[in-house]
Amino acid sequence: MAKTRMALELGMGTSLRKGDYTRAAVRAVQDALWRNSVSFAEAFGFEKSDMLIDVEIGVQKPDGTGGRRGARCAEAGRRWRDHSRQCCCYHFLRHGTQGRGRMKRLILEMGIGTDLYGGDYTKAACRAVRDAIGHSSISLFRSCGMNHRDMLVKVTIGVQDPSQVDADTVAASLPRGNPQVEVVHGGLNIADPEQDGPTIIASASVEAFLDVEAGDWQISEKENG
């Protein structure tokens, strides 16, 4: 039975001075994973151990990603392959009959955004949202025939002055789903003695919810290899 991809996460890693391809690869996997918290197993009523994770690493010298660190990277992704890009793909579910359940969180994405010179809290907030959603793709909608219009997207923005954020503008920056934006005290302002105003740093969390019923889903047939 064909696998169904639920999400794609992207990351980048470096080895700045030692020329260690494996270290760069492991850091790329960590960068991909640590930006998000995937809740598919909980939402659909399965164990995380049922999830197959494919890891693809793109480096100039694939033969340089072996050894003990290569094993670490393989263990992180369950299956190790050298390919053309850095990504983590989650596969594990097959759609059964479709029913109505309750809104369950599928993924939590986190990001940071700044306005360096303009003191624009809304601009920093929108950049934080773009940073949060720009490193992953929730592909279960396309894979399982679901509609993005059924997705609730809860956005929480943290800035030092919440009253300065235009929540409607932040909501409009979301490409899909039904956004709900809440602005709370958080983030960080950095004083700049050479400028009239501070550098604005906004943090963002983006949570995607879907009305699902765990009993309507089942584990797909596992592939060999």
N, C-alpha and C. Protein backbone atom coordinates (compact mmCIF):
# COMPACT_ATOMS: atom_id res chain seq x y z
N MET A 1 0.84 -1.18 0.00
CA MET A 1 0.00 0.00 0.00
C MET A 1 0.89 1.24 0.00
N ALA A 2 0.52 2.24 -0.79
CA ALA A 2 1.34 3.44 -0.90
C ALA A 2 1.33 4.23 0.39
N LYS A 3 2.46 4.85 0.69
CA LYS A 3 2.57 5.71 1.85
C LYS A 3 1.83 7.01 1.58
N THR A 4 1.34 7.64 2.65
CA THR A 4 0.71 8.94 2.57
C THR A 4 1.53 9.92 3.37
N ARG A 5 2.06 10.92 2.72
CA ARG A 5 2.88 11.89 3.43
C ARG A 5 1.99 12.87 4.17
N MET A 6 2.28 13.07 5.45
CA MET A 6 1.49 13.96 6.28
C MET A 6 2.12 15.34 6.42
N ALA A 7 3.46 15.41 6.41
CA ALA A 7 4.13 16.70 6.58
C ALA A 7 5.54 16.60 6.02
N LEU A 8 6.06 17.74 5.63
CA LEU A 8 7.44 17.87 5.16
C LEU A 8 8.08 18.98 5.97
N GLU A 9 9.23 18.70 6.57
CA GLU A 9 9.95 19.70 7.34
C GLU A 9 11.32 19.91 6.70
N LEU A 10 11.77 21.16 6.66
CA LEU A 10 13.01 21.53 5.97
C LEU A 10 14.00 22.13 6.95
N GLY A 11 15.27 21.83 6.76
CA GLY A 11 16.29 22.38 7.62
C GLY A 11 17.61 22.55 6.91
N MET A 12 18.51 23.29 7.52
CA MET A 12 19.85 23.51 6.98
C MET A 12 20.85 23.39 8.12
N GLY A 13 21.99 22.79 7.84
CA GLY A 13 23.03 22.68 8.84
C GLY A 13 24.39 22.96 8.23
N THR A 14 25.32 23.38 9.06
CA THR A 14 26.66 23.74 8.58
C THR A 14 27.75 23.14 9.46
N SER A 15 28.92 23.00 8.87
CA SER A 15 30.16 22.79 9.63
C SER A 15 31.11 23.87 9.13
N LEU A 16 31.29 24.90 9.92
CA LEU A 16 31.92 26.11 9.42
C LEU A 16 33.42 25.97 9.21
N ARG A 17 34.11 25.19 10.05
CA ARG A 17 35.57 25.19 10.00
C ARG A 17 36.18 23.81 9.80
N LYS A 18 35.48 22.75 10.19
CA LYS A 18 36.11 21.43 10.19
C LYS A 18 35.82 20.62 8.93
N GLY A 19 34.97 21.10 8.08
CA GLY A 19 34.66 20.35 6.86
C GLY A 19 33.99 19.02 7.15
N ASP A 20 33.20 18.94 8.22
CA ASP A 20 32.57 17.69 8.65
C ASP A 20 31.17 17.62 8.06
N TYR A 21 31.02 16.81 7.00
CA TYR A 21 29.74 16.69 6.32
C TYR A 21 28.67 16.07 7.22
N THR A 22 29.06 15.12 8.04
CA THR A 22 28.09 14.46 8.91
C THR A 22 27.57 15.43 9.96
N ARG A 23 28.46 16.22 10.53
CA ARG A 23 28.02 17.21 11.51
C ARG A 23 27.03 18.18 10.88
N ALA A 24 27.31 18.62 9.67
CA ALA A 24 26.40 19.51 8.97
C ALA A 24 25.05 18.82 8.72
N ALA A 25 25.10 17.53 8.35
CA ALA A 25 23.86 16.79 8.08
C ALA A 25 23.02 16.62 9.34
N VAL A 26 23.67 16.26 10.46
CA VAL A 26 22.94 16.11 11.72
C VAL A 26 22.31 17.44 12.13
N ARG A 27 23.04 18.53 11.97
CA ARG A 27 22.49 19.84 12.32
C ARG A 27 21.32 20.22 11.42
N ALA A 28 21.36 19.79 10.15
CA ALA A 28 20.25 20.06 9.25
C ALA A 28 18.99 19.32 9.70
N VAL A 29 19.16 18.07 10.14
CA VAL A 29 18.02 17.31 10.64
C VAL A 29 17.47 17.95 11.91
N GLN A 30 18.35 18.34 12.81
CA GLN A 30 17.91 18.99 14.04
C GLN A 30 17.18 20.29 13.74
N ASP A 31 17.71 21.06 12.79
CA ASP A 31 17.07 22.32 12.42
C ASP A 31 15.67 22.07 11.87
N ALA A 32 15.51 21.01 11.07
CA ALA A 32 14.20 20.68 10.51
C ALA A 32 13.21 20.28 11.59
N LEU A 33 13.67 19.48 12.55
CA LEU A 33 12.76 18.94 13.56
C LEU A 33 12.42 19.93 14.66
N TRP A 34 13.36 20.76 15.05
CA TRP A 34 13.17 21.58 16.24
C TRP A 34 12.32 22.81 16.00
N ARG A 35 11.97 23.09 14.77
CA ARG A 35 11.13 24.25 14.49
C ARG A 35 9.65 23.95 14.69
N ASN A 36 9.31 22.66 14.83
CA ASN A 36 7.90 22.28 14.87
C ASN A 36 7.68 21.18 15.89
N SER A 37 6.43 21.02 16.28
CA SER A 37 6.02 19.89 17.10
C SER A 37 4.84 19.22 16.37
N VAL A 38 5.07 18.00 15.88
CA VAL A 38 4.06 17.30 15.08
C VAL A 38 3.18 16.46 15.99
N SER A 39 1.86 16.61 15.88
CA SER A 39 0.91 15.92 16.75
C SER A 39 0.00 14.98 15.99
N PHE A 40 0.43 14.50 14.83
CA PHE A 40 -0.45 13.65 14.02
C PHE A 40 -0.84 12.37 14.76
N ALA A 41 0.13 11.72 15.40
CA ALA A 41 -0.15 10.44 16.05
C ALA A 41 -1.23 10.63 17.13
N GLU A 42 -1.07 11.67 17.95
CA GLU A 42 -2.05 11.91 19.00
C GLU A 42 -3.42 12.26 18.41
N ALA A 43 -3.43 13.08 17.35
CA ALA A 43 -4.70 13.52 16.78
C ALA A 43 -5.48 12.37 16.16
N PHE A 44 -4.77 11.43 15.55
CA PHE A 44 -5.44 10.34 14.85
C PHE A 44 -5.47 9.04 15.66
N GLY A 45 -4.97 9.10 16.89
CA GLY A 45 -5.11 7.96 17.79
C GLY A 45 -4.13 6.84 17.58
N PHE A 46 -2.88 7.14 17.18
CA PHE A 46 -1.88 6.11 16.96
C PHE A 46 -0.63 6.39 17.79
N GLU A 47 0.24 5.40 17.86
CA GLU A 47 1.51 5.56 18.56
C GLU A 47 2.52 6.24 17.64
N LYS A 48 3.42 7.00 18.24
CA LYS A 48 4.47 7.62 17.44
C LYS A 48 5.36 6.59 16.77
N SER A 49 5.46 5.41 17.38
CA SER A 49 6.29 4.36 16.79
C SER A 49 5.72 3.83 15.48
N ASP A 50 4.46 4.16 15.17
CA ASP A 50 3.85 3.74 13.91
C ASP A 50 4.23 4.65 12.75
N MET A 51 4.92 5.73 13.05
CA MET A 51 5.22 6.73 12.04
C MET A 51 6.55 6.43 11.35
N LEU A 52 6.54 6.44 10.05
CA LEU A 52 7.75 6.27 9.25
C LEU A 52 8.30 7.65 8.90
N ILE A 53 9.57 7.87 9.17
CA ILE A 53 10.20 9.16 8.87
C ILE A 53 11.31 8.93 7.84
N ASP A 54 11.19 9.56 6.70
CA ASP A 54 12.23 9.53 5.69
C ASP A 54 13.08 10.78 5.82
N VAL A 55 14.39 10.61 5.89
CA VAL A 55 15.31 11.74 5.97
C VAL A 55 16.15 11.78 4.69
N GLU A 56 16.16 12.90 4.03
CA GLU A 56 16.97 13.07 2.82
C GLU A 56 17.97 14.19 3.08
N ILE A 57 19.24 13.91 2.80
CA ILE A 57 20.31 14.88 3.04
C ILE A 57 20.99 15.22 1.72
N GLY A 58 21.18 16.49 1.47
CA GLY A 58 21.90 16.93 0.29
C GLY A 58 23.21 17.59 0.65
N VAL A 59 24.34 16.98 0.28
CA VAL A 59 25.66 17.54 0.53
C VAL A 59 26.52 17.33 -0.72
N GLN A 60 27.61 18.07 -0.81
CA GLN A 60 28.49 17.95 -1.97
C GLN A 60 29.20 16.60 -2.03
N LYS A 61 29.47 16.00 -0.86
CA LYS A 61 30.15 14.72 -0.81
C LYS A 61 29.36 13.75 0.08
N PRO A 62 28.38 13.06 -0.51
CA PRO A 62 27.56 12.14 0.29
C PRO A 62 28.37 11.06 1.01
N ASP A 63 29.52 10.66 0.45
CA ASP A 63 30.33 9.63 1.10
C ASP A 63 30.92 10.11 2.42
N GLY A 64 30.87 11.40 2.67
CA GLY A 64 31.43 11.94 3.90
C GLY A 64 30.46 11.95 5.06
N THR A 65 29.29 11.29 4.92
CA THR A 65 28.29 11.33 5.99
C THR A 65 28.14 9.98 6.66
N GLY A 66 29.21 9.22 6.77
CA GLY A 66 29.13 7.91 7.41
C GLY A 66 29.61 7.96 8.85
N GLY A 67 29.94 6.79 9.38
CA GLY A 67 30.49 6.70 10.72
C GLY A 67 29.46 6.84 11.81
N ARG A 68 29.94 7.14 13.01
CA ARG A 68 29.06 7.17 14.18
C ARG A 68 28.02 8.29 14.06
N ARG A 69 28.44 9.46 13.58
CA ARG A 69 27.46 10.55 13.46
C ARG A 69 26.43 10.23 12.39
N GLY A 70 26.87 9.53 11.33
CA GLY A 70 25.90 9.12 10.32
C GLY A 70 24.84 8.21 10.92
N ALA A 71 25.26 7.34 11.83
CA ALA A 71 24.30 6.47 12.51
C ALA A 71 23.34 7.29 13.35
N ARG A 72 23.84 8.36 13.99
CA ARG A 72 22.97 9.23 14.76
C ARG A 72 21.90 9.86 13.88
N CYS A 73 22.30 10.32 12.72
CA CYS A 73 21.36 10.96 11.81
C CYS A 73 20.34 9.94 11.31
N ALA A 74 20.82 8.73 11.01
CA ALA A 74 19.91 7.67 10.55
C ALA A 74 18.92 7.31 11.63
N GLU A 75 19.37 7.23 12.86
CA GLU A 75 18.48 6.89 13.97
C GLU A 75 17.42 7.96 14.15
N ALA A 76 17.80 9.23 13.94
CA ALA A 76 16.85 10.32 14.09
C ALA A 76 15.74 10.22 13.06
N GLY A 77 16.05 9.67 11.90
CA GLY A 77 15.06 9.64 10.85
C GLY A 77 14.53 8.27 10.51
N ARG A 78 14.98 7.23 11.20
CA ARG A 78 14.54 5.86 10.99
C ARG A 78 15.07 5.26 9.69
N ARG A 79 15.32 6.10 8.72
CA ARG A 79 15.86 5.56 7.47
C ARG A 79 16.77 6.61 6.85
N TRP A 80 17.96 6.21 6.46
CA TRP A 80 18.98 7.14 5.99
C TRP A 80 19.14 7.03 4.49
N ARG A 81 19.07 8.16 3.83
CA ARG A 81 19.31 8.17 2.40
C ARG A 81 20.04 9.46 2.04
N ASP A 82 20.93 9.39 1.08
CA ASP A 82 21.58 10.59 0.56
C ASP A 82 20.85 11.01 -0.71
N HIS A 83 20.29 12.20 -0.69
CA HIS A 83 19.56 12.68 -1.86
C HIS A 83 19.84 14.16 -2.09
N SER A 84 18.88 14.85 -2.69
CA SER A 84 19.17 16.16 -3.23
C SER A 84 18.84 17.32 -2.30
N ARG A 85 18.25 17.09 -1.12
CA ARG A 85 17.89 18.20 -0.27
C ARG A 85 17.73 17.72 1.16
N GLN A 86 17.61 18.67 2.08
CA GLN A 86 17.42 18.33 3.48
C GLN A 86 15.93 18.35 3.78
N CYS A 87 15.39 17.24 4.26
CA CYS A 87 13.99 17.25 4.63
C CYS A 87 13.66 16.07 5.51
N CYS A 88 12.55 16.19 6.22
CA CYS A 88 12.00 15.08 6.98
C CYS A 88 10.55 14.93 6.55
N CYS A 89 10.19 13.75 6.08
CA CYS A 89 8.84 13.50 5.59
C CYS A 89 8.16 12.49 6.50
N TYR A 90 6.96 12.82 6.95
CA TYR A 90 6.24 11.93 7.84
C TYR A 90 5.14 11.20 7.06
N HIS A 91 5.15 9.87 7.15
CA HIS A 91 4.15 9.04 6.49
C HIS A 91 3.60 8.05 7.51
N PHE A 92 2.31 7.89 7.60
CA PHE A 92 1.87 6.76 8.40
C PHE A 92 0.39 6.49 8.40
N LEU A 93 -0.44 7.27 7.72
CA LEU A 93 -1.86 7.05 7.86
C LEU A 93 -2.56 6.79 6.52
N ARG A 94 -3.65 6.09 6.62
CA ARG A 94 -4.50 5.90 5.45
C ARG A 94 -5.91 6.30 5.82
N HIS A 95 -6.60 6.98 4.94
CA HIS A 95 -7.93 7.49 5.23
C HIS A 95 -8.95 6.36 5.14
N GLY A 96 -9.78 6.25 6.16
CA GLY A 96 -10.90 5.30 6.13
C GLY A 96 -12.19 6.06 5.86
N THR A 97 -13.24 5.72 6.57
CA THR A 97 -14.47 6.48 6.43
C THR A 97 -14.31 7.81 7.12
N GLN A 98 -15.00 8.81 6.64
CA GLN A 98 -14.81 10.16 7.17
C GLN A 98 -15.95 10.53 8.09
N GLY A 99 -15.64 10.94 9.31
CA GLY A 99 -16.66 11.33 10.27
C GLY A 99 -16.32 12.65 10.91
N ARG A 100 -17.13 13.05 11.87
CA ARG A 100 -16.90 14.31 12.56
C ARG A 100 -16.39 14.03 13.96
N GLY A 101 -15.29 14.64 14.32
CA GLY A 101 -14.74 14.45 15.64
C GLY A 101 -14.69 15.77 16.38
N ARG A 102 -13.53 16.16 16.84
CA ARG A 102 -13.34 17.44 17.49
C ARG A 102 -12.04 18.03 16.99
N MET A 103 -11.88 19.32 17.19
CA MET A 103 -10.70 19.99 16.70
C MET A 103 -9.47 19.49 17.46
N LYS A 104 -8.52 18.93 16.72
CA LYS A 104 -7.28 18.42 17.32
C LYS A 104 -6.10 19.09 16.65
N ARG A 105 -5.10 19.40 17.46
CA ARG A 105 -3.93 20.06 16.89
C ARG A 105 -3.07 19.08 16.13
N LEU A 106 -2.71 19.46 14.90
CA LEU A 106 -1.88 18.63 14.05
C LEU A 106 -0.41 19.00 14.15
N ILE A 107 -0.13 20.30 14.28
CA ILE A 107 1.26 20.73 14.28
C ILE A 107 1.37 22.08 14.97
N LEU A 108 2.48 22.29 15.63
CA LEU A 108 2.84 23.58 16.22
C LEU A 108 4.12 24.04 15.54
N GLU A 109 4.07 25.23 14.97
CA GLU A 109 5.23 25.80 14.30
C GLU A 109 5.64 27.09 15.01
N MET A 110 6.94 27.32 15.08
CA MET A 110 7.45 28.47 15.83
C MET A 110 8.38 29.30 14.97
N GLY A 111 8.32 30.62 15.17
CA GLY A 111 9.17 31.48 14.36
C GLY A 111 9.51 32.78 15.07
N ILE A 112 10.44 33.49 14.49
CA ILE A 112 10.88 34.78 15.01
C ILE A 112 10.97 35.77 13.86
N GLY A 113 10.61 37.02 14.14
CA GLY A 113 10.69 38.05 13.11
C GLY A 113 11.12 39.37 13.71
N THR A 114 11.73 40.20 12.89
CA THR A 114 12.25 41.47 13.39
C THR A 114 11.87 42.62 12.46
N ASP A 115 11.84 43.81 13.01
CA ASP A 115 11.91 45.04 12.23
C ASP A 115 13.10 45.80 12.79
N LEU A 116 14.16 45.85 12.02
CA LEU A 116 15.44 46.33 12.53
C LEU A 116 15.47 47.83 12.79
N TYR A 117 14.82 48.60 11.91
CA TYR A 117 14.98 50.05 12.00
C TYR A 117 13.66 50.82 12.06
N GLY A 118 12.57 50.23 11.60
CA GLY A 118 11.33 51.01 11.47
C GLY A 118 10.45 51.03 12.70
N GLY A 119 10.73 50.19 13.68
CA GLY A 119 9.88 50.15 14.87
C GLY A 119 8.47 49.66 14.59
N ASP A 120 8.32 48.83 13.56
CA ASP A 120 6.99 48.37 13.12
C ASP A 120 6.70 47.00 13.72
N TYR A 121 5.85 46.97 14.72
CA TYR A 121 5.52 45.72 15.40
C TYR A 121 4.77 44.75 14.48
N THR A 122 3.91 45.27 13.64
CA THR A 122 3.14 44.41 12.74
C THR A 122 4.05 43.75 11.71
N LYS A 123 5.00 44.50 11.19
CA LYS A 123 5.95 43.93 10.23
C LYS A 123 6.75 42.82 10.88
N ALA A 124 7.22 43.04 12.10
CA ALA A 124 7.97 42.01 12.81
C ALA A 124 7.10 40.79 13.05
N ALA A 125 5.83 40.99 13.40
CA ALA A 125 4.91 39.88 13.66
C ALA A 125 4.68 39.06 12.39
N CYS A 126 4.46 39.73 11.27
CA CYS A 126 4.24 39.01 10.00
C CYS A 126 5.48 38.23 9.60
N ARG A 127 6.64 38.80 9.84
CA ARG A 127 7.88 38.07 9.52
C ARG A 127 8.05 36.86 10.43
N ALA A 128 7.62 36.96 11.68
CA ALA A 128 7.69 35.82 12.59
C ALA A 128 6.77 34.70 12.11
N VAL A 129 5.60 35.05 11.62
CA VAL A 129 4.67 34.05 11.09
C VAL A 129 5.26 33.38 9.86
N ARG A 130 5.83 34.17 8.96
CA ARG A 130 6.44 33.59 7.76
C ARG A 130 7.59 32.65 8.13
N ASP A 131 8.37 33.03 9.13
CA ASP A 131 9.47 32.17 9.57
C ASP A 131 8.92 30.86 10.13
N ALA A 132 7.81 30.93 10.85
CA ALA A 132 7.22 29.73 11.46
C ALA A 132 6.71 28.76 10.40
N ILE A 133 6.02 29.27 9.41
CA ILE A 133 5.37 28.38 8.44
C ILE A 133 6.24 28.06 7.24
N GLY A 134 7.37 28.76 7.11
CA GLY A 134 8.18 28.60 5.90
C GLY A 134 9.12 27.42 5.91
N HIS A 135 9.15 26.65 7.02
CA HIS A 135 10.08 25.53 7.12
C HIS A 135 9.38 24.18 7.11
N SER A 136 8.07 24.17 6.84
CA SER A 136 7.35 22.90 6.83
C SER A 136 6.16 23.00 5.88
N SER A 137 5.64 21.86 5.52
CA SER A 137 4.47 21.78 4.65
C SER A 137 3.56 20.68 5.17
N ILE A 138 2.32 21.04 5.51
CA ILE A 138 1.35 20.04 5.95
C ILE A 138 0.65 19.50 4.71
N SER A 139 1.08 18.34 4.28
CA SER A 139 0.61 17.81 3.00
C SER A 139 -0.54 16.82 3.14
N LEU A 140 -1.04 16.59 4.34
CA LEU A 140 -2.13 15.62 4.49
C LEU A 140 -3.39 16.09 3.79
N PHE A 141 -3.57 17.39 3.60
CA PHE A 141 -4.77 17.87 2.91
C PHE A 141 -4.79 17.38 1.47
N ARG A 142 -3.67 17.53 0.80
CA ARG A 142 -3.58 17.04 -0.58
C ARG A 142 -3.54 15.52 -0.62
N SER A 143 -2.83 14.90 0.32
CA SER A 143 -2.68 13.45 0.31
C SER A 143 -3.98 12.73 0.64
N CYS A 144 -4.78 13.31 1.53
CA CYS A 144 -5.98 12.63 2.02
C CYS A 144 -7.28 13.27 1.54
N GLY A 145 -7.18 14.20 0.61
CA GLY A 145 -8.39 14.79 0.03
C GLY A 145 -9.14 15.71 0.98
N MET A 146 -8.44 16.32 1.92
CA MET A 146 -9.07 17.25 2.85
C MET A 146 -9.04 18.67 2.29
N ASN A 147 -9.86 19.52 2.89
CA ASN A 147 -9.97 20.90 2.42
C ASN A 147 -9.29 21.83 3.41
N HIS A 148 -8.41 22.71 2.91
CA HIS A 148 -7.73 23.66 3.78
C HIS A 148 -8.71 24.59 4.49
N ARG A 149 -9.89 24.80 3.91
CA ARG A 149 -10.86 25.69 4.52
C ARG A 149 -11.41 25.13 5.83
N ASP A 150 -11.20 23.83 6.07
CA ASP A 150 -11.65 23.22 7.32
C ASP A 150 -10.63 23.36 8.44
N MET A 151 -9.47 23.91 8.14
CA MET A 151 -8.39 24.00 9.11
C MET A 151 -8.48 25.30 9.91
N LEU A 152 -8.43 25.18 11.23
CA LEU A 152 -8.32 26.33 12.11
C LEU A 152 -6.85 26.60 12.36
N VAL A 153 -6.42 27.83 12.17
CA VAL A 153 -5.03 28.21 12.38
C VAL A 153 -5.00 29.25 13.50
N LYS A 154 -4.45 28.83 14.62
CA LYS A 154 -4.35 29.71 15.78
C LYS A 154 -2.95 30.30 15.83
N VAL A 155 -2.88 31.61 15.76
CA VAL A 155 -1.61 32.32 15.76
C VAL A 155 -1.48 33.13 17.05
N THR A 156 -0.38 32.95 17.73
CA THR A 156 -0.09 33.74 18.92
C THR A 156 1.20 34.53 18.67
N ILE A 157 1.11 35.83 18.82
CA ILE A 157 2.24 36.73 18.61
C ILE A 157 2.67 37.31 19.95
N GLY A 158 3.97 37.26 20.21
CA GLY A 158 4.53 37.87 21.40
C GLY A 158 5.39 39.06 21.05
N VAL A 159 5.00 40.26 21.52
CA VAL A 159 5.79 41.47 21.33
C VAL A 159 5.73 42.29 22.61
N GLN A 160 6.63 43.25 22.74
CA GLN A 160 6.69 44.07 23.94
C GLN A 160 5.49 45.02 24.07
N ASP A 161 4.90 45.42 22.93
CA ASP A 161 3.73 46.31 22.97
C ASP A 161 2.64 45.70 22.08
N PRO A 162 1.80 44.82 22.62
CA PRO A 162 0.78 44.14 21.80
C PRO A 162 -0.19 45.09 21.11
N SER A 163 -0.42 46.26 21.68
CA SER A 163 -1.38 47.19 21.08
C SER A 163 -0.90 47.73 19.73
N GLN A 164 0.38 47.56 19.42
CA GLN A 164 0.93 48.09 18.18
C GLN A 164 0.85 47.10 17.01
N VAL A 165 0.31 45.92 17.25
CA VAL A 165 0.21 44.91 16.20
C VAL A 165 -1.20 44.92 15.59
N ASP A 166 -1.26 45.02 14.28
CA ASP A 166 -2.53 44.92 13.55
C ASP A 166 -2.82 43.44 13.32
N ALA A 167 -3.71 42.87 14.13
CA ALA A 167 -4.00 41.44 14.05
C ALA A 167 -4.61 41.05 12.71
N ASP A 168 -5.39 41.94 12.11
CA ASP A 168 -6.01 41.63 10.81
C ASP A 168 -4.94 41.48 9.73
N THR A 169 -3.91 42.31 9.78
CA THR A 169 -2.83 42.20 8.81
C THR A 169 -2.07 40.90 9.00
N VAL A 170 -1.84 40.51 10.24
CA VAL A 170 -1.17 39.24 10.52
C VAL A 170 -2.02 38.09 10.01
N ALA A 171 -3.33 38.13 10.25
CA ALA A 171 -4.22 37.07 9.79
C ALA A 171 -4.21 36.95 8.27
N ALA A 172 -4.14 38.09 7.60
CA ALA A 172 -4.14 38.09 6.13
C ALA A 172 -2.86 37.50 5.56
N SER A 173 -1.81 37.42 6.36
CA SER A 173 -0.54 36.86 5.87
C SER A 173 -0.56 35.34 5.85
N LEU A 174 -1.57 34.71 6.46
CA LEU A 174 -1.67 33.25 6.43
C LEU A 174 -2.20 32.80 5.08
N PRO A 175 -1.52 31.88 4.39
CA PRO A 175 -1.95 31.49 3.05
C PRO A 175 -3.18 30.60 3.02
N ARG A 176 -3.45 29.86 4.11
CA ARG A 176 -4.57 28.90 4.11
C ARG A 176 -5.19 28.84 5.49
N GLY A 177 -6.40 28.26 5.53
CA GLY A 177 -7.06 28.02 6.79
C GLY A 177 -7.83 29.22 7.30
N ASN A 178 -8.44 29.05 8.47
CA ASN A 178 -9.21 30.09 9.12
C ASN A 178 -8.40 30.62 10.31
N PRO A 179 -7.76 31.77 10.14
CA PRO A 179 -6.84 32.23 11.18
C PRO A 179 -7.54 32.91 12.35
N GLN A 180 -7.02 32.67 13.52
CA GLN A 180 -7.37 33.40 14.73
C GLN A 180 -6.07 33.92 15.33
N VAL A 181 -5.97 35.22 15.49
CA VAL A 181 -4.72 35.83 15.92
C VAL A 181 -4.89 36.43 17.31
N GLU A 182 -4.00 36.07 18.20
CA GLU A 182 -3.94 36.66 19.54
C GLU A 182 -2.56 37.27 19.73
N VAL A 183 -2.52 38.47 20.27
CA VAL A 183 -1.26 39.16 20.50
C VAL A 183 -1.07 39.31 22.00
N VAL A 184 0.05 38.84 22.51
CA VAL A 184 0.33 38.87 23.94
C VAL A 184 1.66 39.57 24.19
N HIS A 185 1.91 39.87 25.45
CA HIS A 185 3.18 40.49 25.80
C HIS A 185 4.29 39.45 25.73
N GLY A 186 5.35 39.78 25.04
CA GLY A 186 6.48 38.87 24.87
C GLY A 186 7.51 39.50 23.96
N GLY A 187 8.21 38.68 23.21
CA GLY A 187 9.21 39.21 22.31
C GLY A 187 10.29 39.98 23.04
N LEU A 188 10.90 40.92 22.30
CA LEU A 188 12.03 41.66 22.86
C LEU A 188 12.26 42.93 22.06
N ASN A 189 12.54 44.01 22.74
CA ASN A 189 12.98 45.25 22.10
C ASN A 189 14.44 45.50 22.47
N ILE A 190 15.24 45.81 21.46
CA ILE A 190 16.66 46.09 21.68
C ILE A 190 16.91 47.56 21.39
N ALA A 191 17.34 48.30 22.41
CA ALA A 191 17.61 49.73 22.23
C ALA A 191 18.82 49.92 21.32
N ASP A 192 18.70 50.91 20.44
CA ASP A 192 19.79 51.24 19.53
C ASP A 192 20.15 52.71 19.75
N PRO A 193 21.29 52.99 20.34
CA PRO A 193 21.64 54.38 20.64
C PRO A 193 21.83 55.24 19.40
N GLU A 194 22.00 54.59 18.24
CA GLU A 194 22.19 55.34 16.99
C GLU A 194 20.87 55.63 16.28
N GLN A 195 19.78 55.04 16.78
CA GLN A 195 18.47 55.22 16.15
C GLN A 195 17.49 55.80 17.16
N ASP A 196 16.41 56.37 16.64
CA ASP A 196 15.40 56.95 17.53
C ASP A 196 14.58 55.88 18.23
N GLY A 197 14.38 54.75 17.56
CA GLY A 197 13.54 53.70 18.13
C GLY A 197 14.30 52.40 18.26
N PRO A 198 13.69 51.41 18.92
CA PRO A 198 14.35 50.13 19.15
C PRO A 198 14.20 49.18 17.97
N THR A 199 15.02 48.15 17.96
CA THR A 199 14.80 47.00 17.07
C THR A 199 13.72 46.12 17.71
N ILE A 200 12.71 45.80 16.91
CA ILE A 200 11.57 45.03 17.40
C ILE A 200 11.79 43.55 17.07
N ILE A 201 11.69 42.68 18.06
CA ILE A 201 11.77 41.24 17.86
C ILE A 201 10.44 40.62 18.29
N ALA A 202 9.78 39.95 17.37
CA ALA A 202 8.50 39.29 17.64
C ALA A 202 8.69 37.78 17.59
N SER A 203 7.99 37.07 18.46
CA SER A 203 7.94 35.61 18.39
C SER A 203 6.53 35.20 17.98
N ALA A 204 6.44 34.06 17.31
CA ALA A 204 5.14 33.60 16.81
C ALA A 204 5.02 32.09 17.00
N SER A 205 3.83 31.67 17.39
CA SER A 205 3.49 30.25 17.32
C SER A 205 2.29 30.12 16.40
N VAL A 206 2.33 29.10 15.56
CA VAL A 206 1.24 28.83 14.61
C VAL A 206 0.78 27.40 14.83
N GLU A 207 -0.47 27.24 15.24
CA GLU A 207 -1.03 25.92 15.52
C GLU A 207 -2.13 25.62 14.51
N ALA A 208 -2.05 24.45 13.89
CA ALA A 208 -3.06 24.03 12.92
C ALA A 208 -3.95 22.97 13.55
N PHE A 209 -5.25 23.20 13.52
CA PHE A 209 -6.24 22.29 14.09
C PHE A 209 -7.17 21.79 13.00
N LEU A 210 -7.62 20.55 13.15
CA LEU A 210 -8.56 19.96 12.20
C LEU A 210 -9.57 19.12 12.96
N ASP A 211 -10.80 19.14 12.49
CA ASP A 211 -11.87 18.34 13.09
C ASP A 211 -11.73 16.91 12.58
N VAL A 212 -11.17 16.03 13.42
CA VAL A 212 -10.93 14.65 13.01
C VAL A 212 -11.49 13.70 14.05
N GLU A 213 -11.80 12.50 13.60
CA GLU A 213 -12.24 11.42 14.47
C GLU A 213 -11.25 10.27 14.33
N ALA A 214 -10.55 9.95 15.43
CA ALA A 214 -9.49 8.94 15.36
C ALA A 214 -10.00 7.61 14.84
N GLY A 215 -11.25 7.24 15.15
CA GLY A 215 -11.78 5.95 14.72
C GLY A 215 -11.97 5.82 13.22
N ASP A 216 -11.89 6.92 12.51
CA ASP A 216 -12.08 6.89 11.06
C ASP A 216 -10.76 6.66 10.31
N TRP A 217 -9.68 6.41 11.06
CA TRP A 217 -8.36 6.27 10.44
C TRP A 217 -7.74 4.96 10.87
N GLN A 218 -6.86 4.44 10.03
CA GLN A 218 -6.16 3.20 10.36
C GLN A 218 -4.74 3.27 9.84
N ILE A 219 -3.88 2.46 10.45
CA ILE A 219 -2.48 2.41 10.03
C ILE A 219 -2.38 1.82 8.64
N SER A 220 -1.57 2.45 7.80
CA SER A 220 -1.33 1.89 6.48
C SER A 220 -0.41 0.69 6.58
N GLU A 221 -0.44 -0.13 5.57
CA GLU A 221 0.41 -1.32 5.53
C GLU A 221 1.86 -0.92 5.41
N LYS A 222 2.69 -1.41 6.31
CA LYS A 222 4.09 -1.01 6.32
C LYS A 222 4.86 -1.67 5.18
N GLU A 223 5.79 -0.87 4.62
CA GLU A 223 6.61 -1.39 3.53
C GLU A 223 7.83 -2.09 4.08
N ASN A 224 8.36 -3.00 3.33
CA ASN A 224 9.62 -3.65 3.72
C ASN A 224 10.79 -2.76 3.33
N GLY A 225 11.90 -2.91 4.08
CA GLY A 225 13.09 -2.16 3.73
C GLY A 225 13.21 -0.88 4.49
